[in-house]
All heavy atoms as atom14 arrays in JSON, in Angstrom:
{
  "sequence": "FEDFLDELPPEAQNEALQGLRDVVALGGLGRGSTSAGQQGLAVGGDL",
  "atom14_mask": [
    [1, 1, 1, 1, 1, 1, 1, 1, 1, 1, 1, 0, 0, 0],
    [1, 1, 1, 1, 1, 1, 1, 1, 1, 0, 0, 0, 0, 0],
    [1, 1, 1, 1, 1, 1, 1, 1, 0, 0, 0, 0, 0, 0],
    [1, 1, 1, 1, 1, 1, 1, 1, 1, 1, 1, 0, 0, 0],
    [1, 1, 1, 1, 1, 1, 1, 1, 0, 0, 0, 0, 0, 0],
    [1, 1, 1, 1, 1, 1, 1, 1, 0, 0, 0, 0, 0, 0],
    [1, 1, 1, 1, 1, 1, 1, 1, 1, 0, 0, 0, 0, 0],
    [1, 1, 1, 1, 1, 1, 1, 1, 0, 0, 0, 0, 0, 0],
    [1, 1, 1, 1, 1, 1, 1, 0, 0, 0, 0, 0, 0, 0],
    [1, 1, 1, 1, 1, 1, 1, 0, 0, 0, 0, 0, 0, 0],
    [1, 1, 1, 1, 1, 1, 1, 1, 1, 0, 0, 0, 0, 0],
    [1, 1, 1, 1, 1, 0, 0, 0, 0, 0, 0, 0, 0, 0],
    [1, 1, 1, 1, 1, 1, 1, 1, 1, 0, 0, 0, 0, 0],
    [1, 1, 1, 1, 1, 1, 1, 1, 0, 0, 0, 0, 0, 0],
    [1, 1, 1, 1, 1, 1, 1, 1, 1, 0, 0, 0, 0, 0],
    [1, 1, 1, 1, 1, 0, 0, 0, 0, 0, 0, 0, 0, 0],
    [1, 1, 1, 1, 1, 1, 1, 1, 0, 0, 0, 0, 0, 0],
    [1, 1, 1, 1, 1, 1, 1, 1, 1, 0, 0, 0, 0, 0],
    [1, 1, 1, 1, 0, 0, 0, 0, 0, 0, 0, 0, 0, 0],
    [1, 1, 1, 1, 1, 1, 1, 1, 0, 0, 0, 0, 0, 0],
    [1, 1, 1, 1, 1, 1, 1, 1, 1, 1, 1, 0, 0, 0],
    [1, 1, 1, 1, 1, 1, 1, 1, 0, 0, 0, 0, 0, 0],
    [1, 1, 1, 1, 1, 1, 1, 0, 0, 0, 0, 0, 0, 0],
    [1, 1, 1, 1, 1, 1, 1, 0, 0, 0, 0, 0, 0, 0],
    [1, 1, 1, 1, 1, 0, 0, 0, 0, 0, 0, 0, 0, 0],
    [1, 1, 1, 1, 1, 1, 1, 1, 0, 0, 0, 0, 0, 0],
    [1, 1, 1, 1, 0, 0, 0, 0, 0, 0, 0, 0, 0, 0],
    [1, 1, 1, 1, 0, 0, 0, 0, 0, 0, 0, 0, 0, 0],
    [1, 1, 1, 1, 1, 1, 1, 1, 0, 0, 0, 0, 0, 0],
    [1, 1, 1, 1, 0, 0, 0, 0, 0, 0, 0, 0, 0, 0],
    [1, 1, 1, 1, 1, 1, 1, 1, 1, 1, 1, 0, 0, 0],
    [1, 1, 1, 1, 0, 0, 0, 0, 0, 0, 0, 0, 0, 0],
    [1, 1, 1, 1, 1, 1, 0, 0, 0, 0, 0, 0, 0, 0],
    [1, 1, 1, 1, 1, 1, 1, 0, 0, 0, 0, 0, 0, 0],
    [1, 1, 1, 1, 1, 1, 0, 0, 0, 0, 0, 0, 0, 0],
    [1, 1, 1, 1, 1, 0, 0, 0, 0, 0, 0, 0, 0, 0],
    [1, 1, 1, 1, 0, 0, 0, 0, 0, 0, 0, 0, 0, 0],
    [1, 1, 1, 1, 1, 1, 1, 1, 1, 0, 0, 0, 0, 0],
    [1, 1, 1, 1, 1, 1, 1, 1, 1, 0, 0, 0, 0, 0],
    [1, 1, 1, 1, 0, 0, 0, 0, 0, 0, 0, 0, 0, 0],
    [1, 1, 1, 1, 1, 1, 1, 1, 0, 0, 0, 0, 0, 0],
    [1, 1, 1, 1, 1, 0, 0, 0, 0, 0, 0, 0, 0, 0],
    [1, 1, 1, 1, 1, 1, 1, 0, 0, 0, 0, 0, 0, 0],
    [1, 1, 1, 1, 0, 0, 0, 0, 0, 0, 0, 0, 0, 0],
    [1, 1, 1, 1, 0, 0, 0, 0, 0, 0, 0, 0, 0, 0],
    [1, 1, 1, 1, 1, 1, 1, 1, 0, 0, 0, 0, 0, 0],
    [1, 1, 1, 1, 1, 1, 1, 1, 0, 0, 0, 0, 0, 0]
  ],
  "atom14_positions": [
    [[0.82, -1.21, 0.0], [0.0, 0.0, 0.0], [0.86, 1.26, 0.0], [0.53, 2.25, -0.66], [-0.96, 0.01, 1.19], [-2.06, -1.01, 1.09], [-2.35, -1.86, 2.15], [-2.82, -1.14, -0.07], [-3.37, -2.78, 2.07], [-3.84, -2.07, -0.17], [-4.12, -2.9, 0.91], [0.0, 0.0, 0.0], [0.0, 0.0, 0.0], [0.0, 0.0, 0.0]],
    [[1.96, 1.25, 0.73], [2.87, 2.4, 0.72], [3.43, 2.64, -0.68], [3.45, 3.78, -1.17], [4.03, 2.2, 1.7], [3.66, 2.38, 3.14], [4.83, 2.11, 4.08], [5.88, 1.58, 3.64], [4.7, 2.43, 5.27], [0.0, 0.0, 0.0], [0.0, 0.0, 0.0], [0.0, 0.0, 0.0], [0.0, 0.0, 0.0], [0.0, 0.0, 0.0]],
    [[3.89, 1.56, -1.32], [4.43, 1.69, -2.68], [3.36, 2.21, -3.64], [3.63, 3.08, -4.48], [4.97, 0.34, -3.17], [6.23, -0.08, -2.46], [6.86, 0.76, -1.78], [6.59, -1.28, -2.55], [0.0, 0.0, 0.0], [0.0, 0.0, 0.0], [0.0, 0.0, 0.0], [0.0, 0.0, 0.0], [0.0, 0.0, 0.0], [0.0, 0.0, 0.0]],
    [[2.15, 1.68, -3.51], [1.05, 2.12, -4.36], [0.8, 3.62, -4.2], [0.73, 4.36, -5.19], [-0.2, 1.31, -4.0], [-1.49, 1.89, -4.51], [-1.8, 1.84, -5.85], [-2.4, 2.47, -3.63], [-2.99, 2.37, -6.33], [-3.59, 2.99, -4.1], [-3.89, 2.95, -5.45], [0.0, 0.0, 0.0], [0.0, 0.0, 0.0], [0.0, 0.0, 0.0]],
    [[0.68, 4.09, -2.96], [0.42, 5.51, -2.72], [1.58, 6.38, -3.17], [1.38, 7.47, -3.72], [0.13, 5.74, -1.23], [-1.19, 5.15, -0.71], [-1.25, 5.24, 0.81], [-2.39, 5.82, -1.35], [0.0, 0.0, 0.0], [0.0, 0.0, 0.0], [0.0, 0.0, 0.0], [0.0, 0.0, 0.0], [0.0, 0.0, 0.0], [0.0, 0.0, 0.0]],
    [[2.78, 5.89, -2.94], [3.97, 6.67, -3.29], [4.13, 6.85, -4.8], [4.65, 7.86, -5.26], [5.22, 5.99, -2.7], [6.42, 6.9, -2.67], [6.24, 8.11, -2.41], [7.54, 6.42, -2.9], [0.0, 0.0, 0.0], [0.0, 0.0, 0.0], [0.0, 0.0, 0.0], [0.0, 0.0, 0.0], [0.0, 0.0, 0.0], [0.0, 0.0, 0.0]],
    [[3.66, 5.88, -5.58], [3.78, 5.94, -7.04], [2.74, 6.84, -7.68], [2.87, 7.2, -8.85], [3.67, 4.53, -7.63], [4.84, 3.64, -7.27], [4.61, 2.18, -7.65], [3.53, 1.86, -8.21], [5.5, 1.36, -7.37], [0.0, 0.0, 0.0], [0.0, 0.0, 0.0], [0.0, 0.0, 0.0], [0.0, 0.0, 0.0], [0.0, 0.0, 0.0]],
    [[1.71, 7.2, -6.94], [0.63, 8.01, -7.51], [1.01, 9.49, -7.53], [1.67, 9.98, -6.62], [-0.65, 7.86, -6.67], [-1.31, 6.5, -6.69], [-2.48, 6.49, -5.71], [-1.8, 6.15, -8.09], [0.0, 0.0, 0.0], [0.0, 0.0, 0.0], [0.0, 0.0, 0.0], [0.0, 0.0, 0.0], [0.0, 0.0, 0.0], [0.0, 0.0, 0.0]],
    [[0.53, 10.2, -8.56], [0.7, 11.65, -8.54], [-0.15, 12.23, -7.4], [-1.17, 11.64, -7.03], [0.2, 12.1, -9.91], [-0.57, 10.97, -10.45], [-0.13, 9.72, -9.76], [0.0, 0.0, 0.0], [0.0, 0.0, 0.0], [0.0, 0.0, 0.0], [0.0, 0.0, 0.0], [0.0, 0.0, 0.0], [0.0, 0.0, 0.0], [0.0, 0.0, 0.0]],
    [[0.25, 13.36, -6.84], [-0.47, 13.94, -5.69], [-1.98, 14.1, -5.93], [-2.77, 13.87, -5.01], [0.2, 15.3, -5.48], [1.56, 15.13, -6.05], [1.42, 14.16, -7.19], [0.0, 0.0, 0.0], [0.0, 0.0, 0.0], [0.0, 0.0, 0.0], [0.0, 0.0, 0.0], [0.0, 0.0, 0.0], [0.0, 0.0, 0.0], [0.0, 0.0, 0.0]],
    [[-2.38, 14.46, -7.14], [-3.8, 14.67, -7.41], [-4.6, 13.36, -7.37], [-5.81, 13.37, -7.2], [-4.02, 15.4, -8.75], [-3.49, 14.68, -9.97], [-2.02, 14.97, -10.28], [-1.34, 15.64, -9.48], [-1.56, 14.48, -11.32], [0.0, 0.0, 0.0], [0.0, 0.0, 0.0], [0.0, 0.0, 0.0], [0.0, 0.0, 0.0], [0.0, 0.0, 0.0]],
    [[-3.96, 12.22, -7.53], [-4.64, 10.92, -7.49], [-4.6, 10.3, -6.1], [-5.33, 9.34, -5.83], [-4.01, 9.97, -8.49], [0.0, 0.0, 0.0], [0.0, 0.0, 0.0], [0.0, 0.0, 0.0], [0.0, 0.0, 0.0], [0.0, 0.0, 0.0], [0.0, 0.0, 0.0], [0.0, 0.0, 0.0], [0.0, 0.0, 0.0], [0.0, 0.0, 0.0]],
    [[-3.78, 10.84, -5.21], [-3.64, 10.25, -3.88], [-4.91, 10.35, -3.04], [-5.23, 9.44, -2.3], [-2.46, 10.86, -3.13], [-1.13, 10.31, -3.57], [0.03, 10.85, -2.75], [-0.1, 11.82, -2.02], [1.17, 10.22, -2.9], [0.0, 0.0, 0.0], [0.0, 0.0, 0.0], [0.0, 0.0, 0.0], [0.0, 0.0, 0.0], [0.0, 0.0, 0.0]],
    [[-5.65, 11.45, -3.15], [-6.86, 11.61, -2.33], [-7.89, 10.54, -2.64], [-8.49, 9.96, -1.73], [-7.46, 13.0, -2.51], [-6.69, 14.06, -1.76], [-5.99, 13.77, -0.8], [-6.81, 15.29, -2.21], [0.0, 0.0, 0.0], [0.0, 0.0, 0.0], [0.0, 0.0, 0.0], [0.0, 0.0, 0.0], [0.0, 0.0, 0.0], [0.0, 0.0, 0.0]],
    [[-8.11, 10.26, -3.9], [-9.08, 9.23, -4.28], [-8.6, 7.85, -3.81], [-9.37, 7.06, -3.28], [-9.29, 9.22, -5.79], [-10.35, 8.25, -6.23], [-10.58, 8.27, -7.74], [-10.21, 9.27, -8.39], [-11.12, 7.28, -8.24], [0.0, 0.0, 0.0], [0.0, 0.0, 0.0], [0.0, 0.0, 0.0], [0.0, 0.0, 0.0], [0.0, 0.0, 0.0]],
    [[-7.32, 7.58, -4.0], [-6.76, 6.3, -3.56], [-6.83, 6.18, -2.04], [-7.1, 5.1, -1.51], [-5.33, 6.17, -4.04], [0.0, 0.0, 0.0], [0.0, 0.0, 0.0], [0.0, 0.0, 0.0], [0.0, 0.0, 0.0], [0.0, 0.0, 0.0], [0.0, 0.0, 0.0], [0.0, 0.0, 0.0], [0.0, 0.0, 0.0], [0.0, 0.0, 0.0]],
    [[-6.59, 7.29, -1.37], [-6.64, 7.3, 0.09], [-8.04, 6.94, 0.58], [-8.2, 6.17, 1.53], [-6.21, 8.67, 0.6], [-5.92, 8.8, 2.08], [-4.85, 7.83, 2.52], [-5.5, 10.23, 2.39], [0.0, 0.0, 0.0], [0.0, 0.0, 0.0], [0.0, 0.0, 0.0], [0.0, 0.0, 0.0], [0.0, 0.0, 0.0], [0.0, 0.0, 0.0]],
    [[-9.07, 7.48, -0.08], [-10.44, 7.15, 0.31], [-10.73, 5.67, 0.06], [-11.37, 5.02, 0.87], [-11.46, 8.02, -0.43], [-12.88, 7.81, 0.07], [-13.03, 8.01, 1.56], [-12.61, 9.02, 2.11], [-13.59, 7.03, 2.25], [0.0, 0.0, 0.0], [0.0, 0.0, 0.0], [0.0, 0.0, 0.0], [0.0, 0.0, 0.0], [0.0, 0.0, 0.0]],
    [[-10.23, 5.14, -1.05], [-10.4, 3.72, -1.32], [-9.74, 2.85, -0.27], [-10.29, 1.84, 0.16], [0.0, 0.0, 0.0], [0.0, 0.0, 0.0], [0.0, 0.0, 0.0], [0.0, 0.0, 0.0], [0.0, 0.0, 0.0], [0.0, 0.0, 0.0], [0.0, 0.0, 0.0], [0.0, 0.0, 0.0], [0.0, 0.0, 0.0], [0.0, 0.0, 0.0]],
    [[-8.57, 3.27, 0.18], [-7.85, 2.51, 1.21], [-8.56, 2.64, 2.56], [-8.63, 1.69, 3.32], [-6.4, 2.98, 1.3], [-5.46, 2.15, 2.14], [-5.53, 0.66, 1.81], [-4.03, 2.65, 1.98], [0.0, 0.0, 0.0], [0.0, 0.0, 0.0], [0.0, 0.0, 0.0], [0.0, 0.0, 0.0], [0.0, 0.0, 0.0], [0.0, 0.0, 0.0]],
    [[-9.12, 3.8, 2.84], [-9.9, 3.97, 4.08], [-11.11, 3.03, 4.07], [-11.47, 2.47, 5.11], [-10.36, 5.41, 4.23], [-9.29, 6.34, 4.69], [-9.86, 7.72, 5.0], [-8.82, 8.61, 5.44], [-8.5, 9.74, 4.84], [-9.17, 10.14, 3.76], [-7.53, 10.49, 5.31], [0.0, 0.0, 0.0], [0.0, 0.0, 0.0], [0.0, 0.0, 0.0]],
    [[-11.74, 2.87, 2.92], [-12.87, 1.94, 2.81], [-12.43, 0.52, 3.1], [-13.13, -0.23, 3.79], [-13.49, 2.02, 1.41], [-14.19, 3.34, 1.14], [-14.45, 4.1, 2.1], [-14.45, 3.62, -0.05], [0.0, 0.0, 0.0], [0.0, 0.0, 0.0], [0.0, 0.0, 0.0], [0.0, 0.0, 0.0], [0.0, 0.0, 0.0], [0.0, 0.0, 0.0]],
    [[-11.27, 0.13, 2.6], [-10.73, -1.2, 2.87], [-10.49, -1.38, 4.37], [-10.82, -2.41, 4.95], [-9.42, -1.44, 2.07], [-8.68, -2.67, 2.57], [-9.72, -1.55, 0.59], [0.0, 0.0, 0.0], [0.0, 0.0, 0.0], [0.0, 0.0, 0.0], [0.0, 0.0, 0.0], [0.0, 0.0, 0.0], [0.0, 0.0, 0.0], [0.0, 0.0, 0.0]],
    [[-9.93, -0.36, 5.0], [-9.65, -0.42, 6.45], [-10.96, -0.59, 7.22], [-11.05, -1.42, 8.13], [-8.88, 0.84, 6.91], [-8.82, 0.91, 8.42], [-7.48, 0.86, 6.3], [0.0, 0.0, 0.0], [0.0, 0.0, 0.0], [0.0, 0.0, 0.0], [0.0, 0.0, 0.0], [0.0, 0.0, 0.0], [0.0, 0.0, 0.0], [0.0, 0.0, 0.0]],
    [[-11.98, 0.17, 6.86], [-13.26, 0.06, 7.55], [-13.87, -1.33, 7.37], [-14.37, -1.92, 8.33], [-14.21, 1.13, 7.03], [0.0, 0.0, 0.0], [0.0, 0.0, 0.0], [0.0, 0.0, 0.0], [0.0, 0.0, 0.0], [0.0, 0.0, 0.0], [0.0, 0.0, 0.0], [0.0, 0.0, 0.0], [0.0, 0.0, 0.0], [0.0, 0.0, 0.0]],
    [[-13.83, -1.85, 6.16], [-14.37, -3.18, 5.9], [-13.58, -4.26, 6.64], [-14.16, -5.17, 7.21], [-14.35, -3.48, 4.41], [-15.38, -2.76, 3.56], [-15.07, -2.98, 2.09], [-16.77, -3.26, 3.9], [0.0, 0.0, 0.0], [0.0, 0.0, 0.0], [0.0, 0.0, 0.0], [0.0, 0.0, 0.0], [0.0, 0.0, 0.0], [0.0, 0.0, 0.0]],
    [[-12.27, -4.15, 6.62], [-11.42, -5.14, 7.29], [-11.67, -5.19, 8.77], [-11.65, -6.25, 9.39], [0.0, 0.0, 0.0], [0.0, 0.0, 0.0], [0.0, 0.0, 0.0], [0.0, 0.0, 0.0], [0.0, 0.0, 0.0], [0.0, 0.0, 0.0], [0.0, 0.0, 0.0], [0.0, 0.0, 0.0], [0.0, 0.0, 0.0], [0.0, 0.0, 0.0]],
    [[-11.95, -4.04, 9.36], [-12.25, -3.99, 10.79], [-13.53, -4.72, 11.14], [-13.67, -5.23, 12.25], [0.0, 0.0, 0.0], [0.0, 0.0, 0.0], [0.0, 0.0, 0.0], [0.0, 0.0, 0.0], [0.0, 0.0, 0.0], [0.0, 0.0, 0.0], [0.0, 0.0, 0.0], [0.0, 0.0, 0.0], [0.0, 0.0, 0.0], [0.0, 0.0, 0.0]],
    [[-14.46, -4.78, 10.23], [-15.72, -5.47, 10.47], [-15.52, -6.98, 10.56], [-16.32, -7.68, 11.16], [-16.72, -5.16, 9.36], [-17.17, -3.71, 9.24], [-18.04, -3.54, 8.0], [-17.9, -3.26, 10.49], [0.0, 0.0, 0.0], [0.0, 0.0, 0.0], [0.0, 0.0, 0.0], [0.0, 0.0, 0.0], [0.0, 0.0, 0.0], [0.0, 0.0, 0.0]],
    [[-14.44, -7.47, 9.99], [-14.21, -8.9, 9.93], [-13.97, -9.57, 11.25], [-14.32, -10.72, 11.44], [0.0, 0.0, 0.0], [0.0, 0.0, 0.0], [0.0, 0.0, 0.0], [0.0, 0.0, 0.0], [0.0, 0.0, 0.0], [0.0, 0.0, 0.0], [0.0, 0.0, 0.0], [0.0, 0.0, 0.0], [0.0, 0.0, 0.0], [0.0, 0.0, 0.0]],
    [[-13.41, -8.88, 12.18], [-13.09, -9.49, 13.47], [-13.97, -8.98, 14.6], [-13.62, -9.06, 15.76], [-11.62, -9.22, 13.83], [-10.66, -9.92, 12.9], [-10.63, -11.41, 13.18], [-9.7, -12.05, 12.29], [-9.94, -13.17, 11.66], [-11.06, -13.79, 11.82], [-9.05, -13.7, 10.85], [0.0, 0.0, 0.0], [0.0, 0.0, 0.0], [0.0, 0.0, 0.0]],
    [[-15.11, -8.41, 14.22], [-16.04, -7.96, 15.24], [-15.54, -6.73, 15.97], [-15.95, -6.46, 17.07], [0.0, 0.0, 0.0], [0.0, 0.0, 0.0], [0.0, 0.0, 0.0], [0.0, 0.0, 0.0], [0.0, 0.0, 0.0], [0.0, 0.0, 0.0], [0.0, 0.0, 0.0], [0.0, 0.0, 0.0], [0.0, 0.0, 0.0], [0.0, 0.0, 0.0]],
    [[-14.66, -5.98, 15.37], [-14.18, -4.77, 16.01], [-15.24, -3.69, 15.93], [-16.2, -3.8, 15.2], [-12.88, -4.3, 15.35], [-13.14, -3.93, 14.02], [0.0, 0.0, 0.0], [0.0, 0.0, 0.0], [0.0, 0.0, 0.0], [0.0, 0.0, 0.0], [0.0, 0.0, 0.0], [0.0, 0.0, 0.0], [0.0, 0.0, 0.0], [0.0, 0.0, 0.0]],
    [[-15.04, -2.66, 16.66], [-15.97, -1.56, 16.69], [-15.45, -0.45, 15.81], [-14.27, -0.14, 15.83], [-16.11, -1.06, 18.15], [-16.52, -2.15, 18.95], [-17.13, 0.05, 18.24], [0.0, 0.0, 0.0], [0.0, 0.0, 0.0], [0.0, 0.0, 0.0], [0.0, 0.0, 0.0], [0.0, 0.0, 0.0], [0.0, 0.0, 0.0], [0.0, 0.0, 0.0]],
    [[-16.33, 0.16, 15.03], [-15.9, 1.25, 14.18], [-16.96, 2.34, 14.17], [-18.11, 2.1, 14.46], [-15.63, 0.76, 12.75], [-16.82, 0.28, 12.19], [0.0, 0.0, 0.0], [0.0, 0.0, 0.0], [0.0, 0.0, 0.0], [0.0, 0.0, 0.0], [0.0, 0.0, 0.0], [0.0, 0.0, 0.0], [0.0, 0.0, 0.0], [0.0, 0.0, 0.0]],
    [[-16.53, 3.56, 13.85], [-17.44, 4.69, 13.78], [-17.05, 5.55, 12.59], [-15.89, 5.63, 12.22], [-17.35, 5.51, 15.06], [0.0, 0.0, 0.0], [0.0, 0.0, 0.0], [0.0, 0.0, 0.0], [0.0, 0.0, 0.0], [0.0, 0.0, 0.0], [0.0, 0.0, 0.0], [0.0, 0.0, 0.0], [0.0, 0.0, 0.0], [0.0, 0.0, 0.0]],
    [[-18.03, 6.21, 12.03], [-17.76, 7.11, 10.92], [-17.2, 8.42, 11.4], [-16.83, 8.58, 12.57], [0.0, 0.0, 0.0], [0.0, 0.0, 0.0], [0.0, 0.0, 0.0], [0.0, 0.0, 0.0], [0.0, 0.0, 0.0], [0.0, 0.0, 0.0], [0.0, 0.0, 0.0], [0.0, 0.0, 0.0], [0.0, 0.0, 0.0], [0.0, 0.0, 0.0]],
    [[-17.17, 9.39, 10.49], [-16.67, 10.71, 10.86], [-17.54, 11.27, 11.98], [-18.74, 11.08, 12.02], [-16.72, 11.65, 9.66], [-15.65, 11.38, 8.65], [-15.67, 12.43, 7.55], [-16.73, 12.8, 7.08], [-14.51, 12.88, 7.18], [0.0, 0.0, 0.0], [0.0, 0.0, 0.0], [0.0, 0.0, 0.0], [0.0, 0.0, 0.0], [0.0, 0.0, 0.0]],
    [[-16.92, 11.99, 12.88], [-17.58, 12.62, 14.02], [-18.19, 11.58, 14.96], [-19.05, 11.92, 15.76], [-18.65, 13.6, 13.56], [-18.18, 14.67, 12.6], [-17.11, 15.56, 13.21], [-17.2, 15.94, 14.36], [-16.08, 15.86, 12.43], [0.0, 0.0, 0.0], [0.0, 0.0, 0.0], [0.0, 0.0, 0.0], [0.0, 0.0, 0.0], [0.0, 0.0, 0.0]],
    [[-17.76, 10.33, 14.87], [-18.32, 9.28, 15.7], [-17.37, 8.86, 16.79], [-16.19, 9.22, 16.8], [0.0, 0.0, 0.0], [0.0, 0.0, 0.0], [0.0, 0.0, 0.0], [0.0, 0.0, 0.0], [0.0, 0.0, 0.0], [0.0, 0.0, 0.0], [0.0, 0.0, 0.0], [0.0, 0.0, 0.0], [0.0, 0.0, 0.0], [0.0, 0.0, 0.0]],
    [[-17.88, 8.11, 17.72], [-17.09, 7.54, 18.8], [-17.38, 6.05, 18.84], [-18.54, 5.66, 18.92], [-17.47, 8.18, 20.14], [-16.88, 7.55, 21.4], [-15.36, 7.74, 21.42], [-17.5, 8.15, 22.64], [0.0, 0.0, 0.0], [0.0, 0.0, 0.0], [0.0, 0.0, 0.0], [0.0, 0.0, 0.0], [0.0, 0.0, 0.0], [0.0, 0.0, 0.0]],
    [[-16.36, 5.25, 18.72], [-16.53, 3.8, 18.75], [-15.98, 3.28, 20.06], [-14.89, 3.65, 20.49], [-15.78, 3.16, 17.58], [0.0, 0.0, 0.0], [0.0, 0.0, 0.0], [0.0, 0.0, 0.0], [0.0, 0.0, 0.0], [0.0, 0.0, 0.0], [0.0, 0.0, 0.0], [0.0, 0.0, 0.0], [0.0, 0.0, 0.0], [0.0, 0.0, 0.0]],
    [[-16.75, 2.43, 20.71], [-16.35, 1.87, 21.98], [-16.54, 0.37, 21.92], [-17.63, -0.11, 21.61], [-17.2, 2.46, 23.14], [-16.8, 1.86, 24.47], [-17.08, 3.97, 23.16], [0.0, 0.0, 0.0], [0.0, 0.0, 0.0], [0.0, 0.0, 0.0], [0.0, 0.0, 0.0], [0.0, 0.0, 0.0], [0.0, 0.0, 0.0], [0.0, 0.0, 0.0]],
    [[-15.48, -0.36, 22.21], [-15.55, -1.81, 22.18], [-15.84, -2.42, 23.53], [-15.94, -3.61, 23.67], [0.0, 0.0, 0.0], [0.0, 0.0, 0.0], [0.0, 0.0, 0.0], [0.0, 0.0, 0.0], [0.0, 0.0, 0.0], [0.0, 0.0, 0.0], [0.0, 0.0, 0.0], [0.0, 0.0, 0.0], [0.0, 0.0, 0.0], [0.0, 0.0, 0.0]],
    [[-16.0, -1.62, 24.55], [-16.28, -2.1, 25.9], [-17.36, -1.25, 26.53], [-18.32, -0.87, 25.89], [0.0, 0.0, 0.0], [0.0, 0.0, 0.0], [0.0, 0.0, 0.0], [0.0, 0.0, 0.0], [0.0, 0.0, 0.0], [0.0, 0.0, 0.0], [0.0, 0.0, 0.0], [0.0, 0.0, 0.0], [0.0, 0.0, 0.0], [0.0, 0.0, 0.0]],
    [[-17.18, -0.93, 27.8], [-18.16, -0.12, 28.51], [-17.95, 1.36, 28.22], [-16.82, 1.83, 28.08], [-18.03, -0.33, 30.03], [-18.39, -1.75, 30.44], [-19.11, -2.42, 29.67], [-17.95, -2.18, 31.51], [0.0, 0.0, 0.0], [0.0, 0.0, 0.0], [0.0, 0.0, 0.0], [0.0, 0.0, 0.0], [0.0, 0.0, 0.0], [0.0, 0.0, 0.0]],
    [[-19.04, 2.1, 28.17], [-19.0, 3.54, 28.01], [-19.92, 4.13, 29.06], [-21.06, 3.71, 29.2], [-19.48, 3.97, 26.62], [-19.7, 5.47, 26.41], [-18.36, 6.21, 26.48], [-20.38, 5.73, 25.09], [0.0, 0.0, 0.0], [0.0, 0.0, 0.0], [0.0, 0.0, 0.0], [0.0, 0.0, 0.0], [0.0, 0.0, 0.0], [0.0, 0.0, 0.0]]
  ]
}
């Protein structure tokens, strides 16, 4: 992923970054982790 981002021109990095963020969010769902969107708070235990 570092090599991929590094090879992109700066104007293409934002779109690629959003795609990678989507992958991160999806991957987190796989192990039952807690996630929150922008302006959110995720808690995996007591709050």
